[in-house]
Amino acid sequence: LDAQHRVLESEEMFRGTLTQTSVYPREVVKRS
């Protein structure tokens, strides 16, 4: 979101299994 909380981008970042997915904070920070 931008400073006015409008959506800039919607992104599927990580895919996992039936019960879990690995999420990497570093990658989320980079994409932000």
PDB file of all heavy atoms in Angstrom:
ATOM      1  N   LEU A   1       0.833  -1.212   0.000  1.00  0.00           N
ATOM      2  CA  LEU A   1       0.000   0.000   0.000  1.00  0.00           C
ATOM      3  C   LEU A   1       0.863   1.255   0.000  1.00  0.00           C
ATOM      4  O   LEU A   1       1.967   1.264   0.552  1.00  0.00           O
ATOM      5  CB  LEU A   1      -0.900   0.007   1.237  1.00  0.00           C
ATOM      6  CG  LEU A   1      -1.697  -1.271   1.519  1.00  0.00           C
ATOM      7  CD1 LEU A   1      -2.368  -1.191   2.867  1.00  0.00           C
ATOM      8  CD2 LEU A   1      -2.709  -1.522   0.430  1.00  0.00           C
ATOM      9  N   ASP A   2       0.316   2.332  -0.576  1.00  0.00           N
ATOM     10  CA  ASP A   2       1.012   3.610  -0.532  1.00  0.00           C
ATOM     11  C   ASP A   2       0.686   4.336   0.778  1.00  0.00           C
ATOM     12  O   ASP A   2       0.027   3.752   1.658  1.00  0.00           O
ATOM     13  CB  ASP A   2       0.676   4.465  -1.763  1.00  0.00           C
ATOM     14  CG  ASP A   2      -0.776   4.924  -1.833  1.00  0.00           C
ATOM     15  OD1 ASP A   2      -1.526   4.793  -0.828  1.00  0.00           O
ATOM     16  OD2 ASP A   2      -1.180   5.424  -2.897  1.00  0.00           O
ATOM     17  N   ALA A   3       1.113   5.574   0.924  1.00  0.00           N
ATOM     18  CA  ALA A   3       0.915   6.319   2.169  1.00  0.00           C
ATOM     19  C   ALA A   3      -0.558   6.597   2.461  1.00  0.00           C
ATOM     20  O   ALA A   3      -0.939   6.822   3.610  1.00  0.00           O
ATOM     21  CB  ALA A   3       1.703   7.629   2.126  1.00  0.00           C
ATOM     22  N   GLN A   4      -1.405   6.579   1.423  1.00  0.00           N
ATOM     23  CA  GLN A   4      -2.855   6.768   1.614  1.00  0.00           C
ATOM     24  C   GLN A   4      -3.584   5.427   1.713  1.00  0.00           C
ATOM     25  O   GLN A   4      -4.805   5.381   1.643  1.00  0.00           O
ATOM     26  CB  GLN A   4      -3.449   7.588   0.457  1.00  0.00           C
ATOM     27  CG  GLN A   4      -3.190   9.080   0.552  1.00  0.00           C
ATOM     28  CD  GLN A   4      -1.747   9.421   0.190  1.00  0.00           C
ATOM     29  OE1 GLN A   4      -1.192   8.890  -0.767  1.00  0.00           O
ATOM     30  NE2 GLN A   4      -1.132  10.291   0.970  1.00  0.00           N
ATOM     31  N   HIS A   5      -2.814   4.353   1.846  1.00  0.00           N
ATOM     32  CA  HIS A   5      -3.331   2.992   1.978  1.00  0.00           C
ATOM     33  C   HIS A   5      -4.095   2.509   0.750  1.00  0.00           C
ATOM     34  O   HIS A   5      -5.004   1.688   0.856  1.00  0.00           O
ATOM     35  CB  HIS A   5      -4.184   2.835   3.242  1.00  0.00           C
ATOM     36  CG  HIS A   5      -3.417   3.121   4.485  1.00  0.00           C
ATOM     37  ND1 HIS A   5      -4.009   3.482   5.657  1.00  0.00           N
ATOM     38  CD2 HIS A   5      -2.079   3.120   4.740  1.00  0.00           C
ATOM     39  CE1 HIS A   5      -3.082   3.691   6.574  1.00  0.00           C
ATOM     40  NE2 HIS A   5      -1.906   3.477   6.031  1.00  0.00           N
ATOM     41  N   ARG A   6      -3.707   3.007  -0.412  1.00  0.00           N
ATOM     42  CA  ARG A   6      -4.228   2.482  -1.672  1.00  0.00           C
ATOM     43  C   ARG A   6      -3.319   1.330  -2.106  1.00  0.00           C
ATOM     44  O   ARG A   6      -2.109   1.392  -1.906  1.00  0.00           O
ATOM     45  CB  ARG A   6      -4.256   3.567  -2.750  1.00  0.00           C
ATOM     46  CG  ARG A   6      -5.236   4.687  -2.440  1.00  0.00           C
ATOM     47  CD  ARG A   6      -5.138   5.761  -3.483  1.00  0.00           C
ATOM     48  NE  ARG A   6      -3.779   6.320  -3.462  1.00  0.00           N
ATOM     49  CZ  ARG A   6      -3.486   7.590  -3.712  1.00  0.00           C
ATOM     50  NH1 ARG A   6      -4.441   8.445  -4.018  1.00  0.00           N
ATOM     51  NH2 ARG A   6      -2.236   8.016  -3.679  1.00  0.00           N
ATOM     52  N   VAL A   7      -3.911   0.325  -2.711  1.00  0.00           N
ATOM     53  CA  VAL A   7      -3.132  -0.836  -3.124  1.00  0.00           C
ATOM     54  C   VAL A   7      -2.245  -0.479  -4.316  1.00  0.00           C
ATOM     55  O   VAL A   7      -2.724  -0.007  -5.343  1.00  0.00           O
ATOM     56  CB  VAL A   7      -4.049  -2.027  -3.487  1.00  0.00           C
ATOM     57  CG1 VAL A   7      -3.244  -3.180  -4.055  1.00  0.00           C
ATOM     58  CG2 VAL A   7      -4.831  -2.481  -2.263  1.00  0.00           C
ATOM     59  N   LEU A   8      -0.954  -0.681  -4.132  1.00  0.00           N
ATOM     60  CA  LEU A   8       0.015  -0.514  -5.219  1.00  0.00           C
ATOM     61  C   LEU A   8       0.154  -1.817  -5.990  1.00  0.00           C
ATOM     62  O   LEU A   8       0.211  -1.842  -7.215  1.00  0.00           O
ATOM     63  CB  LEU A   8       1.397  -0.137  -4.656  1.00  0.00           C
ATOM     64  CG  LEU A   8       1.506   1.183  -3.917  1.00  0.00           C
ATOM     65  CD1 LEU A   8       2.808   1.257  -3.136  1.00  0.00           C
ATOM     66  CD2 LEU A   8       1.406   2.328  -4.906  1.00  0.00           C
ATOM     67  N   GLU A   9       0.231  -2.893  -5.232  1.00  0.00           N
ATOM     68  CA  GLU A   9       0.456  -4.213  -5.822  1.00  0.00           C
ATOM     69  C   GLU A   9      -0.078  -5.290  -4.890  1.00  0.00           C
ATOM     70  O   GLU A   9      -0.030  -5.148  -3.680  1.00  0.00           O
ATOM     71  CB  GLU A   9       1.959  -4.418  -6.036  1.00  0.00           C
ATOM     72  CG  GLU A   9       2.320  -5.526  -6.975  1.00  0.00           C
ATOM     73  CD  GLU A   9       1.802  -5.304  -8.384  1.00  0.00           C
ATOM     74  OE1 GLU A   9       2.009  -4.220  -8.954  1.00  0.00           O
ATOM     75  OE2 GLU A   9       1.150  -6.237  -8.900  1.00  0.00           O
ATOM     76  N   SER A  10      -0.577  -6.344  -5.479  1.00  0.00           N
ATOM     77  CA  SER A  10      -0.999  -7.524  -4.734  1.00  0.00           C
ATOM     78  C   SER A  10      -0.128  -8.660  -5.236  1.00  0.00           C
ATOM     79  O   SER A  10      -0.100  -8.936  -6.436  1.00  0.00           O
ATOM     80  CB  SER A  10      -2.469  -7.816  -5.021  1.00  0.00           C
ATOM     81  OG  SER A  10      -2.822  -9.072  -4.527  1.00  0.00           O
ATOM     82  N   GLU A  11       0.596  -9.303  -4.320  1.00  0.00           N
ATOM     83  CA  GLU A  11       1.582 -10.279  -4.768  1.00  0.00           C
ATOM     84  C   GLU A  11       1.550 -11.556  -3.933  1.00  0.00           C
ATOM     85  O   GLU A  11       1.610 -11.508  -2.713  1.00  0.00           O
ATOM     86  CB  GLU A  11       2.966  -9.637  -4.667  1.00  0.00           C
ATOM     87  CG  GLU A  11       4.042 -10.340  -5.405  1.00  0.00           C
ATOM     88  CD  GLU A  11       5.329  -9.530  -5.441  1.00  0.00           C
ATOM     89  OE1 GLU A  11       5.274  -8.300  -5.668  1.00  0.00           O
ATOM     90  OE2 GLU A  11       6.388 -10.142  -5.222  1.00  0.00           O
ATOM     91  N   GLU A  12       1.457 -12.678  -4.621  1.00  0.00           N
ATOM     92  CA  GLU A  12       1.605 -13.977  -3.972  1.00  0.00           C
ATOM     93  C   GLU A  12       3.103 -14.200  -3.825  1.00  0.00           C
ATOM     94  O   GLU A  12       3.812 -14.351  -4.800  1.00  0.00           O
ATOM     95  CB  GLU A  12       0.994 -15.063  -4.852  1.00  0.00           C
ATOM     96  CG  GLU A  12       1.099 -16.437  -4.285  1.00  0.00           C
ATOM     97  CD  GLU A  12       0.552 -17.485  -5.226  1.00  0.00           C
ATOM     98  OE1 GLU A  12      -0.602 -17.357  -5.673  1.00  0.00           O
ATOM     99  OE2 GLU A  12       1.298 -18.448  -5.504  1.00  0.00           O
ATOM    100  N   MET A  13       3.589 -14.189  -2.591  1.00  0.00           N
ATOM    101  CA  MET A  13       5.031 -14.240  -2.382  1.00  0.00           C
ATOM    102  C   MET A  13       5.583 -15.633  -2.116  1.00  0.00           C
ATOM    103  O   MET A  13       6.693 -15.937  -2.518  1.00  0.00           O
ATOM    104  CB  MET A  13       5.433 -13.287  -1.251  1.00  0.00           C
ATOM    105  CG  MET A  13       5.242 -11.840  -1.656  1.00  0.00           C
ATOM    106  SD  MET A  13       6.246 -10.712  -0.716  1.00  0.00           S
ATOM    107  CE  MET A  13       7.901 -11.259  -1.040  1.00  0.00           C
ATOM    108  N   PHE A  14       4.819 -16.458  -1.390  1.00  0.00           N
ATOM    109  CA  PHE A  14       5.336 -17.773  -1.018  1.00  0.00           C
ATOM    110  C   PHE A  14       4.242 -18.816  -1.149  1.00  0.00           C
ATOM    111  O   PHE A  14       3.083 -18.538  -0.858  1.00  0.00           O
ATOM    112  CB  PHE A  14       5.869 -17.766   0.424  1.00  0.00           C
ATOM    113  CG  PHE A  14       6.893 -16.688   0.669  1.00  0.00           C
ATOM    114  CD1 PHE A  14       6.535 -15.510   1.300  1.00  0.00           C
ATOM    115  CD2 PHE A  14       8.207 -16.855   0.263  1.00  0.00           C
ATOM    116  CE1 PHE A  14       7.466 -14.502   1.519  1.00  0.00           C
ATOM    117  CE2 PHE A  14       9.152 -15.861   0.473  1.00  0.00           C
ATOM    118  CZ  PHE A  14       8.779 -14.674   1.104  1.00  0.00           C
ATOM    119  N   ARG A  15       4.643 -20.017  -1.560  1.00  0.00           N
ATOM    120  CA  ARG A  15       3.739 -21.147  -1.686  1.00  0.00           C
ATOM    121  C   ARG A  15       4.295 -22.287  -0.870  1.00  0.00           C
ATOM    122  O   ARG A  15       5.495 -22.524  -0.877  1.00  0.00           O
ATOM    123  CB  ARG A  15       3.730 -21.590  -3.135  1.00  0.00           C
ATOM    124  CG  ARG A  15       2.373 -21.665  -3.734  1.00  0.00           C
ATOM    125  CD  ARG A  15       2.502 -22.032  -5.182  1.00  0.00           C
ATOM    126  NE  ARG A  15       1.744 -21.068  -5.947  1.00  0.00           N
ATOM    127  CZ  ARG A  15       1.231 -21.322  -7.116  1.00  0.00           C
ATOM    128  NH1 ARG A  15       1.418 -22.472  -7.691  1.00  0.00           N
ATOM    129  NH2 ARG A  15       0.529 -20.410  -7.723  1.00  0.00           N
ATOM    130  N   GLY A  16       3.416 -23.019  -0.191  1.00  0.00           N
ATOM    131  CA  GLY A  16       3.886 -24.113   0.642  1.00  0.00           C
ATOM    132  C   GLY A  16       3.160 -25.408   0.394  1.00  0.00           C
ATOM    133  O   GLY A  16       2.796 -25.733  -0.730  1.00  0.00           O
ATOM    134  N   THR A  17       2.908 -26.113   1.483  1.00  0.00           N
ATOM    135  CA  THR A  17       2.236 -27.409   1.430  1.00  0.00           C
ATOM    136  C   THR A  17       0.831 -27.253   1.992  1.00  0.00           C
ATOM    137  O   THR A  17       0.365 -26.145   2.225  1.00  0.00           O
ATOM    138  CB  THR A  17       3.019 -28.442   2.269  1.00  0.00           C
ATOM    139  OG1 THR A  17       2.983 -28.031   3.640  1.00  0.00           O
ATOM    140  CG2 THR A  17       4.452 -28.563   1.795  1.00  0.00           C
ATOM    141  N   LEU A  18       0.206 -28.367   2.268  1.00  0.00           N
ATOM    142  CA  LEU A  18      -1.140 -28.368   2.827  1.00  0.00           C
ATOM    143  C   LEU A  18      -1.201 -27.665   4.183  1.00  0.00           C
ATOM    144  O   LEU A  18      -2.183 -27.011   4.510  1.00  0.00           O
ATOM    145  CB  LEU A  18      -1.632 -29.818   2.973  1.00  0.00           C
ATOM    146  CG  LEU A  18      -2.995 -30.019   3.621  1.00  0.00           C
ATOM    147  CD1 LEU A  18      -4.086 -29.437   2.747  1.00  0.00           C
ATOM    148  CD2 LEU A  18      -3.239 -31.490   3.867  1.00  0.00           C
ATOM    149  N   THR A  19      -0.134 -27.768   4.972  1.00  0.00           N
ATOM    150  CA  THR A  19      -0.187 -27.261   6.347  1.00  0.00           C
ATOM    151  C   THR A  19       0.769 -26.128   6.676  1.00  0.00           C
ATOM    152  O   THR A  19       0.693 -25.566   7.758  1.00  0.00           O
ATOM    153  CB  THR A  19       0.088 -28.404   7.346  1.00  0.00           C
ATOM    154  OG1 THR A  19       1.368 -28.976   7.042  1.00  0.00           O
ATOM    155  CG2 THR A  19      -0.992 -29.462   7.271  1.00  0.00           C
ATOM    156  N   GLN A  20       1.691 -25.809   5.773  1.00  0.00           N
ATOM    157  CA  GLN A  20       2.633 -24.740   6.111  1.00  0.00           C
ATOM    158  C   GLN A  20       3.284 -24.158   4.869  1.00  0.00           C
ATOM    159  O   GLN A  20       3.275 -24.769   3.808  1.00  0.00           O
ATOM    160  CB  GLN A  20       3.721 -25.246   7.047  1.00  0.00           C
ATOM    161  CG  GLN A  20       4.635 -26.271   6.422  1.00  0.00           C
ATOM    162  CD  GLN A  20       5.686 -26.776   7.382  1.00  0.00           C
ATOM    163  OE1 GLN A  20       5.672 -26.468   8.558  1.00  0.00           O
ATOM    164  NE2 GLN A  20       6.611 -27.558   6.871  1.00  0.00           N
ATOM    165  N   THR A  21       3.846 -22.972   5.040  1.00  0.00           N
ATOM    166  CA  THR A  21       4.653 -22.362   3.996  1.00  0.00           C
ATOM    167  C   THR A  21       5.796 -21.611   4.662  1.00  0.00           C
ATOM    168  O   THR A  21       5.632 -21.108   5.772  1.00  0.00           O
ATOM    169  CB  THR A  21       3.811 -21.423   3.101  1.00  0.00           C
ATOM    170  OG1 THR A  21       4.598 -21.004   2.000  1.00  0.00           O
ATOM    171  CG2 THR A  21       3.301 -20.226   3.847  1.00  0.00           C
ATOM    172  N   SER A  22       6.925 -21.581   4.014  1.00  0.00           N
ATOM    173  CA  SER A  22       8.069 -20.847   4.549  1.00  0.00           C
ATOM    174  C   SER A  22       8.000 -19.411   4.049  1.00  0.00           C
ATOM    175  O   SER A  22       7.869 -19.175   2.845  1.00  0.00           O
ATOM    176  CB  SER A  22       9.373 -21.485   4.090  1.00  0.00           C
ATOM    177  OG  SER A  22       9.485 -22.784   4.614  1.00  0.00           O
ATOM    178  N   VAL A  23       8.087 -18.467   4.977  1.00  0.00           N
ATOM    179  CA  VAL A  23       8.030 -17.040   4.658  1.00  0.00           C
ATOM    180  C   VAL A  23       9.348 -16.423   5.110  1.00  0.00           C
ATOM    181  O   VAL A  23       9.776 -16.632   6.242  1.00  0.00           O
ATOM    182  CB  VAL A  23       6.832 -16.358   5.361  1.00  0.00           C
ATOM    183  CG1 VAL A  23       6.834 -14.859   5.090  1.00  0.00           C
ATOM    184  CG2 VAL A  23       5.522 -16.997   4.917  1.00  0.00           C
ATOM    185  N   TYR A  24       9.972 -15.659   4.226  1.00  0.00           N
ATOM    186  CA  TYR A  24      11.265 -15.063   4.517  1.00  0.00           C
ATOM    187  C   TYR A  24      11.131 -13.550   4.665  1.00  0.00           C
ATOM    188  O   TYR A  24      10.890 -12.848   3.674  1.00  0.00           O
ATOM    189  CB  TYR A  24      12.263 -15.414   3.408  1.00  0.00           C
ATOM    190  CG  TYR A  24      12.400 -16.908   3.235  1.00  0.00           C
ATOM    191  CD1 TYR A  24      11.694 -17.584   2.239  1.00  0.00           C
ATOM    192  CD2 TYR A  24      13.187 -17.651   4.105  1.00  0.00           C
ATOM    193  CE1 TYR A  24      11.802 -18.958   2.104  1.00  0.00           C
ATOM    194  CE2 TYR A  24      13.302 -19.034   3.974  1.00  0.00           C
ATOM    195  CZ  TYR A  24      12.608 -19.664   2.976  1.00  0.00           C
ATOM    196  OH  TYR A  24      12.706 -21.034   2.852  1.00  0.00           O
ATOM    197  N   PRO A  25      11.283 -13.028   5.900  1.00  0.00           N
ATOM    198  CA  PRO A  25      11.127 -11.588   6.132  1.00  0.00           C
ATOM    199  C   PRO A  25      12.003 -10.732   5.216  1.00  0.00           C
ATOM    200  O   PRO A  25      11.575  -9.684   4.736  1.00  0.00           O
ATOM    201  CB  PRO A  25      11.519 -11.424   7.602  1.00  0.00           C
ATOM    202  CG  PRO A  25      11.161 -12.740   8.209  1.00  0.00           C
ATOM    203  CD  PRO A  25      11.482 -13.759   7.154  1.00  0.00           C
ATOM    204  N   ARG A  26      13.220 -11.190   4.946  1.00  0.00           N
ATOM    205  CA  ARG A  26      14.124 -10.429   4.069  1.00  0.00           C
ATOM    206  C   ARG A  26      13.476 -10.172   2.708  1.00  0.00           C
ATOM    207  O   ARG A  26      13.560  -9.073   2.154  1.00  0.00           O
ATOM    208  CB  ARG A  26      15.431 -11.215   3.914  1.00  0.00           C
ATOM    209  CG  ARG A  26      16.393 -10.648   2.917  1.00  0.00           C
ATOM    210  CD  ARG A  26      17.565 -11.622   2.702  1.00  0.00           C
ATOM    211  NE  ARG A  26      18.345 -11.269   1.558  1.00  0.00           N
ATOM    212  CZ  ARG A  26      19.449 -10.550   1.611  1.00  0.00           C
ATOM    213  NH1 ARG A  26      19.895 -10.123   2.769  1.00  0.00           N
ATOM    214  NH2 ARG A  26      20.112 -10.267   0.512  1.00  0.00           N
ATOM    215  N   GLU A  27      12.819 -11.199   2.153  1.00  0.00           N
ATOM    216  CA  GLU A  27      12.179 -11.062   0.839  1.00  0.00           C
ATOM    217  C   GLU A  27      10.986 -10.112   0.892  1.00  0.00           C
ATOM    218  O   GLU A  27      10.739  -9.361  -0.046  1.00  0.00           O
ATOM    219  CB  GLU A  27      11.758 -12.426   0.295  1.00  0.00           C
ATOM    220  CG  GLU A  27      12.921 -13.368   0.030  1.00  0.00           C
ATOM    221  CD  GLU A  27      13.944 -12.777  -0.931  1.00  0.00           C
ATOM    222  OE1 GLU A  27      13.548 -12.224  -1.980  1.00  0.00           O
ATOM    223  OE2 GLU A  27      15.163 -12.860  -0.632  1.00  0.00           O
ATOM    224  N   VAL A  28      10.248 -10.155   2.002  1.00  0.00           N
ATOM    225  CA  VAL A  28       9.101  -9.254   2.158  1.00  0.00           C
ATOM    226  C   VAL A  28       9.601  -7.811   2.249  1.00  0.00           C
ATOM    227  O   VAL A  28       9.026  -6.906   1.629  1.00  0.00           O
ATOM    228  CB  VAL A  28       8.263  -9.634   3.394  1.00  0.00           C
ATOM    229  CG1 VAL A  28       7.136  -8.629   3.620  1.00  0.00           C
ATOM    230  CG2 VAL A  28       7.691 -11.046   3.231  1.00  0.00           C
ATOM    231  N   VAL A  29      10.679  -7.582   2.980  1.00  0.00           N
ATOM    232  CA  VAL A  29      11.258  -6.234   3.084  1.00  0.00           C
ATOM    233  C   VAL A  29      11.727  -5.768   1.708  1.00  0.00           C
ATOM    234  O   VAL A  29      11.437  -4.636   1.294  1.00  0.00           O
ATOM    235  CB  VAL A  29      12.420  -6.200   4.107  1.00  0.00           C
ATOM    236  CG1 VAL A  29      13.172  -4.879   4.039  1.00  0.00           C
ATOM    237  CG2 VAL A  29      11.886  -6.434   5.522  1.00  0.00           C
ATOM    238  N   LYS A  30      12.421  -6.631   0.966  1.00  0.00           N
ATOM    239  CA  LYS A  30      12.906  -6.264  -0.371  1.00  0.00           C
ATOM    240  C   LYS A  30      11.763  -5.870  -1.294  1.00  0.00           C
ATOM    241  O   LYS A  30      11.838  -4.854  -1.979  1.00  0.00           O
ATOM    242  CB  LYS A  30      13.687  -7.433  -0.991  1.00  0.00           C
ATOM    243  CG  LYS A  30      15.107  -7.538  -0.497  1.00  0.00           C
ATOM    244  CD  LYS A  30      15.847  -8.780  -0.962  1.00  0.00           C
ATOM    245  CE  LYS A  30      15.746  -9.124  -2.414  1.00  0.00           C
ATOM    246  NZ  LYS A  30      16.523 -10.352  -2.763  1.00  0.00           N
ATOM    247  N   ARG A  31      10.704  -6.675  -1.313  1.00  0.00           N
ATOM    248  CA  ARG A  31       9.566  -6.377  -2.198  1.00  0.00           C
ATOM    249  C   ARG A  31       8.835  -5.108  -1.755  1.00  0.00           C
ATOM    250  O   ARG A  31       8.338  -4.353  -2.591  1.00  0.00           O
ATOM    251  CB  ARG A  31       8.579  -7.550  -2.246  1.00  0.00           C
ATOM    252  CG  ARG A  31       9.119  -8.796  -2.897  1.00  0.00           C
ATOM    253  CD  ARG A  31       9.593  -8.590  -4.328  1.00  0.00           C
ATOM    254  NE  ARG A  31       8.529  -8.121  -5.183  1.00  0.00           N
ATOM    255  CZ  ARG A  31       8.718  -7.490  -6.344  1.00  0.00           C
ATOM    256  NH1 ARG A  31       9.919  -7.261  -6.794  1.00  0.00           N
ATOM    257  NH2 ARG A  31       7.694  -7.086  -7.062  1.00  0.00           N
ATOM    258  N   SER A  32       8.810  -4.851  -0.450  1.00  0.00           N
ATOM    259  CA  SER A  32       8.189  -3.618   0.050  1.00  0.00           C
ATOM    260  C   SER A  32       8.950  -2.397  -0.458  1.00  0.00           C
ATOM    261  O   SER A  32       8.345  -1.394  -0.861  1.00  0.00           O
ATOM    262  CB  SER A  32       8.163  -3.614   1.577  1.00  0.00           C
ATOM    263  OG  SER A  32       7.362  -4.666   2.063  1.00  0.00           O
TER     264      SER A  32
END
